[in-house]
C-alpha atoms as a PDB file:
ATOM      1  CA  MET A   1       9.136   3.369  12.704  1.00  0.00           C
ATOM      2  CA  SER A   2      10.304   6.304  11.304  1.00  0.00           C
ATOM      3  CA  SER A   3       8.326   9.423  12.557  1.00  0.00           C
ATOM      4  CA  ALA A   4       9.331  11.466   9.278  1.00  0.00           C
ATOM      5  CA  GLN A   5       7.036  13.930   7.600  1.00  0.00           C
ATOM      6  CA  ARG A   6       6.644  14.434   3.948  1.00  0.00           C
ATOM      7  CA  VAL A   7       7.074  18.159   2.350  1.00  0.00           C
ATOM      8  CA  VAL A   8       6.085  18.502  -0.961  1.00  0.00           C
ATOM      9  CA  ILE A   9       8.090  21.216  -3.341  1.00  0.00           C
ATOM     10  CA  THR A  10       7.197  22.647  -6.551  1.00  0.00           C
ATOM     11  CA  PRO A  11      10.101  24.160  -8.237  1.00  0.00           C
ATOM     12  CA  GLY A  12       8.002  26.671 -10.235  1.00  0.00           C
ATOM     13  CA  GLU A  13       9.051  28.147 -13.698  1.00  0.00           C
ATOM     14  CA  PRO A  14      11.274  25.510 -15.095  1.00  0.00           C
ATOM     15  CA  ALA A  15      13.346  28.090 -16.966  1.00  0.00           C
ATOM     16  CA  GLY A  16      13.747  29.685 -13.750  1.00  0.00           C
ATOM     17  CA  ILE A  17      16.344  29.493 -10.854  1.00  0.00           C
ATOM     18  CA  GLY A  18      13.560  26.840  -9.063  1.00  0.00           C
ATOM     19  CA  PRO A  19      15.022  23.653 -10.375  1.00  0.00           C
ATOM     20  CA  ASP A  20      18.866  24.546  -9.265  1.00  0.00           C
ATOM     21  CA  LEU A  21      17.471  25.580  -5.963  1.00  0.00           C
ATOM     22  CA  VAL A  22      16.036  21.870  -5.469  1.00  0.00           C
ATOM     23  CA  VAL A  23      19.145  20.299  -6.536  1.00  0.00           C
ATOM     24  CA  GLN A  24      20.841  22.383  -4.330  1.00  0.00           C
ATOM     25  CA  LEU A  25      18.395  21.438  -1.482  1.00  0.00           C
ATOM     26  CA  ALA A  26      18.946  17.911  -1.727  1.00  0.00           C
ATOM     27  CA  GLN A  27      23.218  17.996  -1.228  1.00  0.00           C
ATOM     28  CA  ARG A  28      22.244  17.467   2.339  1.00  0.00           C
ATOM     29  CA  ALA A  29      20.346  15.012   4.714  1.00  0.00           C
ATOM     30  CA  TRP A  30      17.069  15.905   5.947  1.00  0.00           C
ATOM     31  CA  PRO A  31      14.921  14.389   8.726  1.00  0.00           C
ATOM     32  CA  ILE A  32      11.782  14.602   6.288  1.00  0.00           C
ATOM     33  CA  GLU A  33      11.127  13.461   3.321  1.00  0.00           C
ATOM     34  CA  LEU A  34      11.646  15.859   0.388  1.00  0.00           C
ATOM     35  CA  VAL A  35       8.627  15.094  -2.373  1.00  0.00           C
ATOM     36  CA  VAL A  36       9.547  17.357  -5.637  1.00  0.00           C
ATOM     37  CA  CYS A  37       6.383  17.471  -7.824  1.00  0.00           C
ATOM     38  CA  ALA A  38       8.272  17.995 -11.170  1.00  0.00           C
ATOM     39  CA  ASP A  39      10.080  16.900 -14.442  1.00  0.00           C
ATOM     40  CA  GLY A  40      12.531  14.194 -13.897  1.00  0.00           C
ATOM     41  CA  ALA A  41      14.508  15.029 -16.459  1.00  0.00           C
ATOM     42  CA  LEU A  42      14.405  18.621 -15.910  1.00  0.00           C
ATOM     43  CA  LEU A  43      15.865  17.878 -12.304  1.00  0.00           C
ATOM     44  CA  THR A  44      18.769  15.672 -13.364  1.00  0.00           C
ATOM     45  CA  GLU A  45      19.743  17.842 -16.720  1.00  0.00           C
ATOM     46  CA  ARG A  46      19.769  20.487 -14.095  1.00  0.00           C
ATOM     47  CA  ALA A  47      21.795  18.870 -11.610  1.00  0.00           C
ATOM     48  CA  ALA A  48      24.401  17.928 -14.622  1.00  0.00           C
ATOM     49  CA  MET A  49      24.731  21.551 -15.215  1.00  0.00           C
ATOM     50  CA  LEU A  50      25.468  22.366 -12.059  1.00  0.00           C
ATOM     51  CA  GLY A  51      27.951  19.562 -11.419  1.00  0.00           C
ATOM     52  CA  LEU A  52      25.841  18.108  -8.785  1.00  0.00           C
ATOM     53  CA  PRO A  53      25.124  14.739  -7.696  1.00  0.00           C
ATOM     54  CA  LEU A  54      21.217  13.902  -7.742  1.00  0.00           C
ATOM     55  CA  SER A  55      19.563  10.400  -7.278  1.00  0.00           C
ATOM     56  CA  LEU A  56      15.575  10.533  -8.042  1.00  0.00           C
ATOM     57  CA  LEU A  57      13.940   8.025  -5.838  1.00  0.00           C
ATOM     58  CA  PRO A  58      10.588   7.365  -6.807  1.00  0.00           C
ATOM     59  CA  TYR A  59       7.456   8.251  -4.964  1.00  0.00           C
ATOM     60  CA  SER A  60       5.240   5.958  -3.035  1.00  0.00           C
ATOM     61  CA  PRO A  61       2.259   7.448  -1.035  1.00  0.00           C
ATOM     62  CA  ASP A  62       1.480   3.748   0.659  1.00  0.00           C
ATOM     63  CA  VAL A  63       5.143   3.482   2.080  1.00  0.00           C
ATOM     64  CA  PRO A  64       5.812   5.694   5.193  1.00  0.00           C
ATOM     65  CA  ALA A  65       7.845   8.855   4.896  1.00  0.00           C
ATOM     66  CA  ALA A  66      11.169   8.571   5.800  1.00  0.00           C
ATOM     67  CA  PRO A  67      14.319  11.026   6.265  1.00  0.00           C
ATOM     68  CA  GLN A  68      15.933  12.155   2.838  1.00  0.00           C
ATOM     69  CA  PRO A  69      19.159  10.901   2.437  1.00  0.00           C
ATOM     70  CA  ALA A  70      22.177  13.308   0.760  1.00  0.00           C
ATOM     71  CA  GLY A  71      22.063  13.465  -2.938  1.00  0.00           C
ATOM     72  CA  THR A  72      18.480  12.302  -3.169  1.00  0.00           C
ATOM     73  CA  LEU A  73      15.311  13.615  -3.818  1.00  0.00           C
ATOM     74  CA  THR A  74      11.825  11.421  -4.059  1.00  0.00           C
ATOM     75  CA  LEU A  75      10.452  12.496  -7.402  1.00  0.00           C
ATOM     76  CA  LEU A  76       6.434  12.960  -7.926  1.00  0.00           C
ATOM     77  CA  PRO A  77       6.336  13.064 -11.638  1.00  0.00           C
ATOM     78  CA  VAL A  78       4.794  15.534 -13.778  1.00  0.00           C
ATOM     79  CA  SER A  79       5.809  15.975 -17.677  1.00  0.00           C
ATOM     80  CA  LEU A  80       6.867  19.266 -19.038  1.00  0.00           C
ATOM     81  CA  ARG A  81       4.902  20.229 -21.883  1.00  0.00           C
ATOM     82  CA  ALA A  82       8.058  21.681 -23.964  1.00  0.00           C
ATOM     83  CA  PRO A  83      12.042  21.132 -23.454  1.00  0.00           C
ATOM     84  CA  ALA A  84      13.200  23.516 -20.802  1.00  0.00           C
ATOM     85  CA  ILE A  85      16.425  25.920 -21.215  1.00  0.00           C
ATOM     86  CA  PRO A  86      17.480  28.125 -18.492  1.00  0.00           C
ATOM     87  CA  GLY A  87      16.768  31.606 -19.187  1.00  0.00           C
ATOM     88  CA  GLN A  88      14.250  30.942 -21.906  1.00  0.00           C
ATOM     89  CA  LEU A  89      10.905  31.297 -21.205  1.00  0.00           C
ATOM     90  CA  THR A  90       7.967  28.682 -23.186  1.00  0.00           C
ATOM     91  CA  VAL A  91       4.455  29.239 -22.836  1.00  0.00           C
ATOM     92  CA  GLU A  92       4.184  25.629 -23.337  1.00  0.00           C
ATOM     93  CA  ASN A  93       5.322  25.030 -19.931  1.00  0.00           C
ATOM     94  CA  GLY A  94       2.424  27.364 -18.455  1.00  0.00           C
ATOM     95  CA  PRO A  95      -0.012  24.344 -17.442  1.00  0.00           C
ATOM     96  CA  TYR A  96       3.034  22.168 -16.730  1.00  0.00           C
ATOM     97  CA  VAL A  97       3.492  24.787 -13.589  1.00  0.00           C
ATOM     98  CA  VAL A  98       0.083  24.971 -12.838  1.00  0.00           C
ATOM     99  CA  GLU A  99      -0.270  21.220 -12.578  1.00  0.00           C
ATOM    100  CA  THR A 100       2.652  20.718 -10.253  1.00  0.00           C
ATOM    101  CA  LEU A 101       0.586  23.183  -8.209  1.00  0.00           C
ATOM    102  CA  ALA A 102      -2.682  21.795  -8.389  1.00  0.00           C
ATOM    103  CA  ARG A 103      -1.176  18.291  -7.518  1.00  0.00           C
ATOM    104  CA  ALA A 104       0.968  19.294  -4.464  1.00  0.00           C
ATOM    105  CA  CYS A 105      -2.034  21.435  -3.132  1.00  0.00           C
ATOM    106  CA  ASP A 106      -4.468  18.315  -3.611  1.00  0.00           C
ATOM    107  CA  GLY A 107      -1.789  16.179  -1.530  1.00  0.00           C
ATOM    108  CA  CYS A 108      -1.820  18.574   1.209  1.00  0.00           C
ATOM    109  CA  LEU A 109      -5.666  18.554   1.236  1.00  0.00           C
ATOM    110  CA  ASN A 110      -5.798  14.931   1.485  1.00  0.00           C
ATOM    111  CA  GLY A 111      -3.291  14.424   4.037  1.00  0.00           C
ATOM    112  CA  GLU A 112      -0.477  13.006   1.925  1.00  0.00           C
ATOM    113  CA  PHE A 113       1.877  16.021   2.860  1.00  0.00           C
ATOM    114  CA  ALA A 114       2.414  18.004   5.853  1.00  0.00           C
ATOM    115  CA  ALA A 115       3.284  21.198   3.908  1.00  0.00           C
ATOM    116  CA  LEU A 116       4.210  22.984   0.847  1.00  0.00           C
ATOM    117  CA  ILE A 117       7.293  24.766  -0.379  1.00  0.00           C
ATOM    118  CA  THR A 118       7.037  26.720  -3.611  1.00  0.00           C
ATOM    119  CA  GLY A 119       9.496  28.060  -5.910  1.00  0.00           C
ATOM    120  CA  PRO A 120       9.043  31.273  -8.203  1.00  0.00           C
ATOM    121  CA  VAL A 121       6.541  31.085 -11.009  1.00  0.00           C
ATOM    122  CA  HIS A 122       6.539  33.266 -13.897  1.00  0.00           C
ATOM    123  CA  LYS A 123       2.727  34.414 -13.826  1.00  0.00           C
ATOM    124  CA  GLY A 124       3.039  36.444 -17.390  1.00  0.00           C
ATOM    125  CA  VAL A 125       4.161  32.924 -19.043  1.00  0.00           C
ATOM    126  CA  ILE A 126       0.917  31.266 -17.147  1.00  0.00           C
ATOM    127  CA  ASN A 127      -1.512  33.845 -18.460  1.00  0.00           C
ATOM    128  CA  ASP A 128      -0.276  33.925 -21.658  1.00  0.00           C
ATOM    129  CA  ALA A 129      -0.652  30.137 -21.611  1.00  0.00           C
ATOM    130  CA  GLY A 130      -4.383  31.128 -21.157  1.00  0.00           C
ATOM    131  CA  ILE A 131      -5.014  30.438 -17.619  1.00  0.00           C
ATOM    132  CA  PRO A 132      -5.710  33.147 -15.132  1.00  0.00           C
ATOM    133  CA  PHE A 133      -3.248  33.559 -12.593  1.00  0.00           C
ATOM    134  CA  THR A 134      -2.573  35.931  -9.923  1.00  0.00           C
ATOM    135  CA  GLY A 135      -0.236  34.283  -7.626  1.00  0.00           C
ATOM    136  CA  HIS A 136       0.297  31.381  -5.198  1.00  0.00           C
ATOM    137  CA  THR A 137      -2.162  32.881  -2.182  1.00  0.00           C
ATOM    138  CA  GLU A 138      -5.267  33.006  -4.623  1.00  0.00           C
ATOM    139  CA  PHE A 139      -4.499  29.754  -6.488  1.00  0.00           C
ATOM    140  CA  PHE A 140      -4.481  27.797  -3.282  1.00  0.00           C
ATOM    141  CA  GLU A 141      -7.399  29.602  -2.118  1.00  0.00           C
ATOM    142  CA  GLU A 142      -9.130  28.871  -4.444  1.00  0.00           C
ATOM    143  CA  ARG A 143      -8.461  25.339  -5.065  1.00  0.00           C
ATOM    144  CA  SER A 144      -8.690  24.402  -1.722  1.00  0.00           C
ATOM    145  CA  GLN A 145     -12.312  26.426  -1.862  1.00  0.00           C
ATOM    146  CA  ALA A 146     -11.136  28.448   1.230  1.00  0.00           C
ATOM    147  CA  LYS A 147     -13.607  31.332   1.833  1.00  0.00           C
ATOM    148  CA  LYS A 148     -10.539  33.570   2.691  1.00  0.00           C
ATOM    149  CA  VAL A 149      -6.644  32.713   2.935  1.00  0.00           C
ATOM    150  CA  VAL A 150      -4.234  35.231   4.677  1.00  0.00           C
ATOM    151  CA  MET A 151      -0.233  35.621   3.650  1.00  0.00           C
ATOM    152  CA  MET A 152       2.392  35.499   6.340  1.00  0.00           C
ATOM    153  CA  LEU A 153       5.935  36.417   5.594  1.00  0.00           C
ATOM    154  CA  ALA A 154       7.594  35.077   8.826  1.00  0.00           C
ATOM    155  CA  THR A 155      11.107  34.972  10.667  1.00  0.00           C
ATOM    156  CA  GLU A 156      12.515  33.778  13.748  1.00  0.00           C
ATOM    157  CA  GLU A 157      11.704  37.157  15.400  1.00  0.00           C
ATOM    158  CA  LEU A 158       8.479  38.457  13.579  1.00  0.00           C
ATOM    159  CA  ARG A 159       5.783  37.531  11.481  1.00  0.00           C
ATOM    160  CA  VAL A 160       3.630  40.009   9.042  1.00  0.00           C
ATOM    161  CA  ALA A 161       0.301  38.632   7.782  1.00  0.00           C
ATOM    162  CA  LEU A 162      -0.612  40.843   4.341  1.00  0.00           C
ATOM    163  CA  ALA A 163      -4.411  42.564   4.561  1.00  0.00           C
ATOM    164  CA  THR A 164      -4.037  42.669   0.675  1.00  0.00           C
ATOM    165  CA  THR A 165      -2.183  40.756  -1.837  1.00  0.00           C
ATOM    166  CA  HIS A 166      -1.083  41.610  -5.249  1.00  0.00           C
ATOM    167  CA  LEU A 167      -2.795  44.213  -6.028  1.00  0.00           C
ATOM    168  CA  PRO A 168      -1.647  47.783  -7.801  1.00  0.00           C
ATOM    169  CA  LEU A 169      -0.659  50.452  -5.346  1.00  0.00           C
ATOM    170  CA  ARG A 170      -3.479  52.562  -6.373  1.00  0.00           C
ATOM    171  CA  ALA A 171      -5.908  49.709  -5.736  1.00  0.00           C
ATOM    172  CA  ILE A 172      -4.957  49.312  -2.244  1.00  0.00           C
ATOM    173  CA  ALA A 173      -6.358  51.969  -0.245  1.00  0.00           C
ATOM    174  CA  ASP A 174     -10.135  51.230  -1.816  1.00  0.00           C
ATOM    175  CA  ALA A 175      -9.659  47.475  -0.759  1.00  0.00           C
ATOM    176  CA  ILE A 176      -8.967  48.185   2.663  1.00  0.00           C
ATOM    177  CA  THR A 177     -11.994  48.361   4.475  1.00  0.00           C
ATOM    178  CA  PRO A 178     -13.360  47.834   8.355  1.00  0.00           C
ATOM    179  CA  ALA A 179     -14.855  44.244   7.183  1.00  0.00           C
ATOM    180  CA  LEU A 180     -11.744  43.215   5.593  1.00  0.00           C
ATOM    181  CA  LEU A 181      -9.383  43.894   8.156  1.00  0.00           C
ATOM    182  CA  HIS A 182     -11.950  42.594  10.773  1.00  0.00           C
ATOM    183  CA  GLU A 183     -11.955  39.195   8.582  1.00  0.00           C
ATOM    184  CA  VAL A 184      -7.866  38.909   8.298  1.00  0.00           C
ATOM    185  CA  ILE A 185      -7.214  39.699  12.303  1.00  0.00           C
ATOM    186  CA  ALA A 186      -9.789  36.987  13.519  1.00  0.00           C
ATOM    187  CA  ILE A 187      -8.116  34.558  10.633  1.00  0.00           C
ATOM    188  CA  LEU A 188      -4.666  35.545  12.142  1.00  0.00           C
ATOM    189  CA  HIS A 189      -5.660  35.502  15.867  1.00  0.00           C
ATOM    190  CA  HIS A 190      -7.395  32.174  15.259  1.00  0.00           C
ATOM    191  CA  ASP A 191      -4.168  30.397  13.499  1.00  0.00           C
ATOM    192  CA  LEU A 192      -1.849  31.805  15.581  1.00  0.00           C
ATOM    193  CA  ARG A 193      -2.917  30.811  18.789  1.00  0.00           C
ATOM    194  CA  THR A 194      -3.810  27.201  17.730  1.00  0.00           C
ATOM    195  CA  LYS A 195      -0.736  27.243  15.626  1.00  0.00           C
ATOM    196  CA  PHE A 196       1.869  28.913  17.952  1.00  0.00           C
ATOM    197  CA  ALA A 197       2.426  29.976  21.694  1.00  0.00           C
ATOM    198  CA  ASN A 198       2.443  32.568  23.711  1.00  0.00           C
ATOM    199  CA  LEU A 199       1.915  35.354  20.775  1.00  0.00           C
ATOM    200  CA  VAL A 200       1.437  39.234  20.976  1.00  0.00           C
ATOM    201  CA  LEU A 201      -1.135  40.821  18.255  1.00  0.00           C
ATOM    202  CA  PRO A 202      -0.526  44.464  18.508  1.00  0.00           C
ATOM    203  CA  ASN A 203      -3.246  46.585  17.062  1.00  0.00           C
ATOM    204  CA  ARG A 204      -0.855  48.863  15.020  1.00  0.00           C
ATOM    205  CA  ALA A 205       1.271  47.500  12.103  1.00  0.00           C
ATOM    206  CA  PHE A 206       2.450  50.464   9.983  1.00  0.00           C
ATOM    207  CA  GLY A 207       5.978  50.310   9.211  1.00  0.00           C
ATOM    208  CA  PRO A 208       6.591  48.211  12.638  1.00  0.00           C
ATOM    209  CA  ASN A 209      10.073  49.366  14.437  1.00  0.00           C
ATOM    210  CA  LEU A 210       9.582  47.178  17.555  1.00  0.00           C
ATOM    211  CA  VAL A 211      10.986  43.384  17.222  1.00  0.00           C
ATOM    212  CA  LEU A 212      10.072  41.124  19.747  1.00  0.00           C
ATOM    213  CA  PRO A 213       9.939  37.163  20.000  1.00  0.00           C
ATOM    214  CA  ASN A 214       6.466  36.141  19.322  1.00  0.00           C
ATOM    215  CA  ARG A 215       5.174  39.307  17.838  1.00  0.00           C
ATOM    216  CA  ALA A 216       3.099  39.566  14.665  1.00  0.00           C
ATOM    217  CA  PHE A 217       1.992  42.650  12.834  1.00  0.00           C
ATOM    218  CA  LEU A 218      -0.673  43.011  10.381  1.00  0.00           C
ATOM    219  CA  SER A 219       0.443  44.878   6.860  1.00  0.00           C
ATOM    220  CA  VAL A 220      -2.287  46.998   5.144  1.00  0.00           C
ATOM    221  CA  ALA A 221      -0.030  47.703   1.970  1.00  0.00           C
END
């Protein structure tokens, strides 16, 4: 029996680089199942433009996850609202982008997927379509009905959590309060301790110049 996990991917803006990256991701085998929440024709057309092989496998949530063979992606279909041409933004596809995010998020919440990978979106297109959208972080926070989420940027050597996200520079100083920092640090401490091991949480975080394994910093800008 396979012990592979399912990871869902949203390519993001269909006229952008996201679909290209997903197609390139499929060119090697993976020990997990890659489920792409997107328009199938979009991926097939983009693969043809790139001259790369791609076969789309149907997503079956009732079938156990299996490692992803090279040259394939598992497709969870969501239809475009309008044709997508690389480099040409279309407001009509704003709802499509949000629908892929919502479906992928819901799948993570109900246990279908072990993780979610997002491609770049164009916030202006989504907002111009009449859908309020600040960013992925805020969208998933609202969709999951979470009280508070914390964005963390991570590399193999360093993790940086953000106290604020998607604010104009002039608004940051007013947004940083003792209550906010306490809440963010509490979430950071809990999740790092429960999801990672042997971590160090320094109290200072402006422009960290010390990089050590398993060290996390809090950024307030």
